[in-house]
């Protein structure tokens, strides 16, 4: 991925890698990042 053009698909790859590194599920990463975005942008 490094050195390539950034694409929206890489968000999923990044979330999957984060879940793997944190020994958690992809669903948990998605839920937490969604909650963080909602809080950050007050939505």
C-alpha atoms as a PDB file:
ATOM      1  CA  UNK A   1       0.000   0.000   0.000  1.00  0.00           C
ATOM      2  CA  UNK A   2       2.823   2.397   0.811  1.00  0.00           C
ATOM      3  CA  UNK A   3       3.805   4.445  -2.210  1.00  0.00           C
ATOM      4  CA  UNK A   4       0.458   3.878  -3.908  1.00  0.00           C
ATOM      5  CA  UNK A   5      -2.371   6.312  -4.458  1.00  0.00           C
ATOM      6  CA  UNK A   6      -4.688   6.560  -1.456  1.00  0.00           C
ATOM      7  CA  UNK A   7      -8.075   4.966  -2.094  1.00  0.00           C
ATOM      8  CA  UNK A   8     -11.209   4.645   0.090  1.00  0.00           C
ATOM      9  CA  UNK A   9     -10.741   0.870   0.088  1.00  0.00           C
ATOM     10  CA  UNK A  10      -7.625   1.324   2.219  1.00  0.00           C
ATOM     11  CA  UNK A  11      -9.802   2.434   5.148  1.00  0.00           C
ATOM     12  CA  UNK A  12     -11.085  -1.127   5.439  1.00  0.00           C
ATOM     13  CA  UNK A  13      -7.549  -2.534   5.156  1.00  0.00           C
ATOM     14  CA  UNK A  14      -6.386  -0.153   7.884  1.00  0.00           C
ATOM     15  CA  UNK A  15      -9.284  -1.066  10.187  1.00  0.00           C
ATOM     16  CA  UNK A  16      -8.630  -4.779   9.661  1.00  0.00           C
ATOM     17  CA  UNK A  17      -4.934  -4.330  10.457  1.00  0.00           C
ATOM     18  CA  UNK A  18      -5.757  -2.268  13.554  1.00  0.00           C
ATOM     19  CA  UNK A  19      -8.127  -4.974  14.791  1.00  0.00           C
ATOM     20  CA  UNK A  20      -5.422  -7.573  14.264  1.00  0.00           C
ATOM     21  CA  UNK A  21      -2.788  -5.531  16.104  1.00  0.00           C
ATOM     22  CA  UNK A  22      -5.132  -4.822  19.016  1.00  0.00           C
ATOM     23  CA  UNK A  23      -6.416  -8.411  19.202  1.00  0.00           C
ATOM     24  CA  UNK A  24      -9.998  -7.251  18.775  1.00  0.00           C
ATOM     25  CA  UNK A  25     -12.725  -7.673  16.188  1.00  0.00           C
ATOM     26  CA  UNK A  26     -13.239  -5.537  13.125  1.00  0.00           C
ATOM     27  CA  UNK A  27     -16.739  -4.758  14.428  1.00  0.00           C
ATOM     28  CA  UNK A  28     -15.276  -3.305  17.630  1.00  0.00           C
ATOM     29  CA  UNK A  29     -12.843  -1.119  15.674  1.00  0.00           C
ATOM     30  CA  UNK A  30     -15.664   0.111  13.436  1.00  0.00           C
ATOM     31  CA  UNK A  31     -17.912   0.859  16.423  1.00  0.00           C
ATOM     32  CA  UNK A  32     -15.192   2.777  18.266  1.00  0.00           C
ATOM     33  CA  UNK A  33     -14.014   4.794  15.262  1.00  0.00           C
ATOM     34  CA  UNK A  34     -17.625   5.659  14.452  1.00  0.00           C
ATOM     35  CA  UNK A  35     -18.223   6.816  18.029  1.00  0.00           C
ATOM     36  CA  UNK A  36     -15.002   8.863  17.916  1.00  0.00           C
ATOM     37  CA  UNK A  37     -16.048  10.561  14.664  1.00  0.00           C
ATOM     38  CA  UNK A  38     -19.529  11.310  16.012  1.00  0.00           C
ATOM     39  CA  UNK A  39     -18.037  12.905  19.107  1.00  0.00           C
ATOM     40  CA  UNK A  40     -15.389  14.829  17.172  1.00  0.00           C
ATOM     41  CA  UNK A  41     -17.846  16.254  14.645  1.00  0.00           C
ATOM     42  CA  UNK A  42     -20.778  16.545  17.096  1.00  0.00           C
ATOM     43  CA  UNK A  43     -23.091  14.450  14.943  1.00  0.00           C
END
